Protein backbone atom coordinates (compact mmCIF):
# COMPACT_ATOMS: atom_id res chain seq x y z
CA MET A 1 -9.31 -8.25 15.43
CA LYS A 2 -6.75 -5.31 15.75
CA LEU A 3 -4.39 -3.67 12.80
CA TYR A 4 -1.29 -1.99 14.00
CA SER A 5 -0.74 0.87 11.15
CA TYR A 6 0.83 4.12 10.54
CA TRP A 7 -1.18 6.64 8.91
CA ARG A 8 1.04 7.06 6.44
CA SER A 9 2.26 3.74 5.59
CA THR A 10 1.28 2.74 2.05
CA THR A 11 1.25 -0.80 3.15
CA SER A 12 -1.01 -0.01 5.68
CA TYR A 13 -2.96 2.05 3.25
CA ARG A 14 -3.70 -1.41 1.23
CA VAL A 15 -4.60 -3.93 4.29
CA ARG A 16 -7.00 -0.98 5.43
CA ALA A 17 -8.17 -0.50 1.91
CA ALA A 18 -9.11 -4.89 1.65
CA LEU A 19 -10.11 -4.86 5.35
CA HIS A 20 -12.99 -2.05 4.44
CA LEU A 21 -13.81 -3.89 0.69
CA LYS A 22 -14.46 -6.62 3.16
CA GLY A 23 -16.39 -5.35 5.60
CA LEU A 24 -13.93 -6.90 7.82
CA THR A 25 -14.47 -5.01 11.57
CA PHE A 26 -11.08 -4.06 12.90
CA ASP A 27 -9.56 -1.80 15.85
CA THR A 28 -6.31 0.56 14.72
CA VAL A 29 -3.50 0.68 16.63
CA LEU A 30 -1.37 3.37 16.23
CA VAL A 31 2.80 2.60 15.19
CA ASP A 32 4.34 5.48 15.36
CA LEU A 33 7.30 5.33 12.43
CA LEU A 34 8.86 8.90 13.25
CA GLY A 35 9.27 8.18 17.05
CA GLY A 36 10.38 4.73 16.58
CA ALA A 37 7.90 2.53 18.26
CA GLN A 38 8.17 -0.39 15.53
CA ARG A 39 11.61 -1.27 17.10
CA THR A 40 10.44 -0.92 21.00
CA PRO A 41 11.23 -4.49 22.53
CA ASP A 42 7.70 -5.02 22.62
CA TYR A 43 6.68 -4.72 18.56
CA ALA A 44 9.65 -6.69 17.24
CA GLY A 45 8.73 -9.11 18.83
CA MET A 46 5.44 -9.07 17.39
CA ASN A 47 6.64 -7.93 14.28
CA PRO A 48 10.33 -9.20 13.65
CA GLY A 49 10.81 -6.65 10.27
CA MET A 50 9.78 -3.86 12.72
CA GLY A 51 7.75 -2.42 10.17
CA VAL A 52 3.60 -2.28 9.39
CA PRO A 53 1.29 -3.47 8.62
CA THR A 54 0.75 -5.87 11.47
CA LEU A 55 -2.55 -8.04 11.57
CA VAL A 56 -4.21 -10.44 14.76
CA LEU A 57 -6.73 -12.18 14.88
CA ASP A 58 -9.25 -12.45 17.31
CA ASN A 59 -7.83 -15.94 18.62
CA GLY A 60 -4.21 -13.97 19.20
CA THR A 61 -2.27 -15.19 15.83
CA THR A 62 0.17 -12.57 14.34
CA LEU A 63 0.28 -11.61 10.41
CA THR A 64 2.92 -9.19 8.70
CA GLN A 65 3.31 -7.91 5.74
CA SER A 66 0.91 -6.51 3.52
CA LEU A 67 0.63 -8.63 1.11
CA ALA A 68 0.44 -11.99 3.43
CA ILE A 69 -1.77 -10.48 5.56
CA ILE A 70 -4.47 -9.77 2.08
CA ASP A 71 -3.83 -12.47 0.95
CA TYR A 72 -4.85 -14.27 4.10
CA LEU A 73 -8.45 -11.68 3.74
CA ASP A 74 -9.13 -13.52 0.57
CA ALA A 75 -8.94 -16.13 1.62
CA ILE A 76 -11.88 -15.82 4.48
CA ALA A 77 -14.20 -13.35 3.14
CA SER A 78 -15.26 -11.56 0.55
CA PRO A 79 -15.65 -9.44 -2.38
CA ARG A 80 -12.30 -11.63 -3.83
CA LEU A 81 -9.61 -8.82 -4.81
CA LEU A 82 -7.81 -11.84 -6.90
CA PRO A 83 -9.76 -13.47 -9.60
CA ASP A 84 -10.66 -17.11 -9.88
CA ASN A 85 -9.33 -17.57 -13.64
CA PRO A 86 -5.47 -18.16 -13.39
CA LEU A 87 -4.55 -15.65 -16.65
CA ASP A 88 -6.99 -13.13 -15.23
CA ARG A 89 -5.12 -13.89 -11.20
CA ALA A 90 -1.39 -13.70 -12.77
CA ARG A 91 -2.01 -10.46 -14.93
CA VAL A 92 -3.62 -8.75 -11.28
CA MET A 93 -0.59 -10.31 -9.17
CA ALA A 94 1.65 -9.57 -11.92
CA ALA A 95 0.76 -5.04 -12.00
CA ALA A 96 0.21 -5.30 -7.99
CA HIS A 97 3.91 -7.14 -7.26
CA ALA A 98 5.51 -4.17 -9.78
CA VAL A 99 4.31 -1.95 -7.54
CA ALA A 100 4.49 -3.89 -4.09
CA LEU A 101 7.84 -5.30 -4.89
CA ASP A 102 9.72 -3.55 -7.31
CA ILE A 103 8.46 0.25 -6.38
CA HIS A 104 8.24 -0.28 -2.57
CA PRO A 105 11.19 -1.39 -0.97
CA VAL A 106 13.38 1.85 -2.06
CA ASN A 107 10.75 3.92 -2.02
CA ASN A 108 10.01 3.43 1.78
CA LEU A 109 10.90 5.89 5.00
CA ARG A 110 13.52 3.43 6.39
CA VAL A 111 15.38 3.61 2.83
CA VAL A 112 15.31 7.25 2.85
CA GLN A 113 16.79 7.17 6.16
CA HIS A 114 19.77 5.26 5.35
CA LEU A 115 20.10 7.42 2.64
CA GLN A 116 20.20 10.73 4.58
CA ALA A 117 21.96 8.88 7.47
CA ALA A 118 24.88 6.95 6.46
CA HIS A 119 25.12 8.65 2.84
CA GLY A 120 24.27 12.41 3.56
CA ALA A 121 21.38 12.41 0.75
CA SER A 122 20.06 16.39 1.61
CA ALA A 123 16.07 16.56 0.99
CA ASP A 124 15.87 16.77 -2.88
CA ASP A 125 18.98 14.41 -2.69
CA ALA A 126 15.69 11.69 -1.33
CA LYS A 127 13.25 13.74 -3.16
CA ALA A 128 15.20 12.80 -6.69
CA TRP A 129 15.32 9.00 -5.69
CA MET A 130 12.01 8.61 -4.69
CA GLN A 131 10.61 10.14 -7.90
CA HIS A 132 13.43 7.97 -10.22
CA TRP A 133 11.88 4.98 -8.72
CA ILE A 134 7.88 5.75 -8.65
CA VAL A 135 7.92 6.75 -12.15
CA ASN A 136 10.10 3.78 -12.92
CA GLY A 137 7.52 1.71 -11.49
CA PHE A 138 4.54 3.96 -12.93
CA THR A 139 5.83 3.64 -16.64
CA ALA A 140 6.01 -0.12 -16.63
CA VAL A 141 2.79 -0.23 -14.18
CA GLU A 142 0.73 2.11 -16.61
CA ALA A 143 1.34 -0.44 -20.00
CA MET A 144 0.02 -2.97 -17.44
CA VAL A 145 -3.23 -1.88 -17.11
CA SER A 146 -6.46 -2.03 -18.49
CA ASN A 147 -7.21 1.48 -20.83
CA ASP A 148 -11.13 0.70 -21.12
CA THR A 149 -12.29 -0.45 -17.49
CA ARG A 150 -12.91 1.52 -14.33
CA PHE A 151 -10.75 0.11 -12.35
CA ALA A 152 -7.04 -1.71 -13.66
CA PHE A 153 -8.69 -4.58 -14.88
CA GLY A 154 -12.56 -4.38 -14.19
CA ASP A 155 -15.30 -2.66 -12.88
CA THR A 156 -14.53 -3.17 -9.03
CA PRO A 157 -11.17 -2.89 -7.19
CA ASP A 158 -8.61 -5.77 -7.13
CA LEU A 159 -5.27 -6.08 -5.22
CA ALA A 160 -3.56 -4.27 -8.07
CA ASP A 161 -5.85 -1.21 -7.58
CA ILE A 162 -5.34 -0.83 -3.57
CA CYS A 163 -1.43 -1.27 -4.86
CA ILE A 164 -1.61 1.46 -6.76
CA VAL A 165 -3.59 3.74 -5.10
CA SER A 166 -1.43 4.07 -2.00
CA GLN A 167 1.53 4.33 -4.01
CA ALA A 168 -0.20 7.50 -5.98
CA TYR A 169 -0.81 9.02 -2.55
CA ASN A 170 2.96 8.67 -2.20
CA ALA A 171 3.86 9.99 -5.42
CA HIS A 172 1.49 13.27 -4.75
CA ARG A 173 3.50 13.52 -1.54
CA TRP A 174 6.50 13.67 -3.33
CA GLY A 175 5.16 15.83 -5.82
CA LEU A 176 5.40 13.51 -8.89
CA ASP A 177 3.51 14.99 -11.54
CA MET A 178 1.14 12.44 -12.47
CA SER A 179 -0.27 13.35 -15.56
CA PRO A 180 2.08 10.90 -18.36
CA PHE A 181 0.26 8.29 -16.45
CA PRO A 182 -2.94 8.57 -17.10
CA ARG A 183 -4.63 5.11 -16.43
CA LEU A 184 -3.12 5.01 -13.35
CA ALA A 185 -4.62 8.84 -12.25
CA ARG A 186 -8.09 7.03 -13.84
CA ILE A 187 -7.47 4.33 -11.25
CA GLU A 188 -6.82 6.59 -8.88
CA ALA A 189 -9.59 8.50 -9.15
CA ALA A 190 -11.64 5.35 -9.66
CA CYS A 191 -10.52 4.06 -5.73
CA LEU A 192 -11.13 7.53 -4.32
CA ASP A 193 -14.61 7.77 -5.30
CA HIS A 194 -15.42 4.04 -3.50
CA PRO A 195 -16.38 4.38 0.23
CA ALA A 196 -14.60 1.96 1.31
CA ILE A 197 -11.04 3.07 0.00
CA ALA A 198 -11.88 6.38 0.33
CA ALA A 199 -12.01 5.22 4.57
CA ALA A 200 -8.63 3.80 4.02
CA HIS A 201 -6.98 7.10 2.70
CA PRO A 202 -4.40 8.09 4.90
CA ASP A 203 -5.67 11.90 5.79
CA ASN A 204 -9.29 10.09 7.02
CA GLN A 205 -6.91 7.89 9.68
CA PRO A 206 -6.94 8.97 13.88
CA ASP A 207 -3.45 9.47 13.07
CA ALA A 208 -3.16 11.75 10.29
CA GLN A 209 -1.17 14.73 10.58
């Protein structure tokens, strides 16, 4: 498999973590988002959304969107990142979606670039925007996760955990104080202590700057 990835992309971080947790072998293809590599005709032909990650299977099949890629990986390899029990599964998905669908869409590179280019947002404006939406989302997620388990809902990482740890990286990048979110800080620490997730961390990628 080939994973088209950018080191600081939280969505790429999620998929890298899932691949490492499942012990799946993959090659990383670097996509320079700041340089606009995602908008080249070749890449756009492979991923019409012009984002990362993109996973190309050994047979040439192309998958996009991090949650869809992880759902595929969960169907083909263990350990599972979503529980079998329907209620437990719904709780994990709700926390994961609160990050991936509520925070991330308004909290990524293309949004900041548009705010700056189209609306004249300053660096301080961009930082305030990013912090606002992370705090808004993390307040909800903090109340959703368990308070008496190592990870979000148990003693092993699941989909919620890899969404939380990747967004926590973004929170630190934008100077957010994590002290109001002790459960999420606990989850982040547990994730970073896990070798598979640590291997997926942006700072450990070949294109890290």
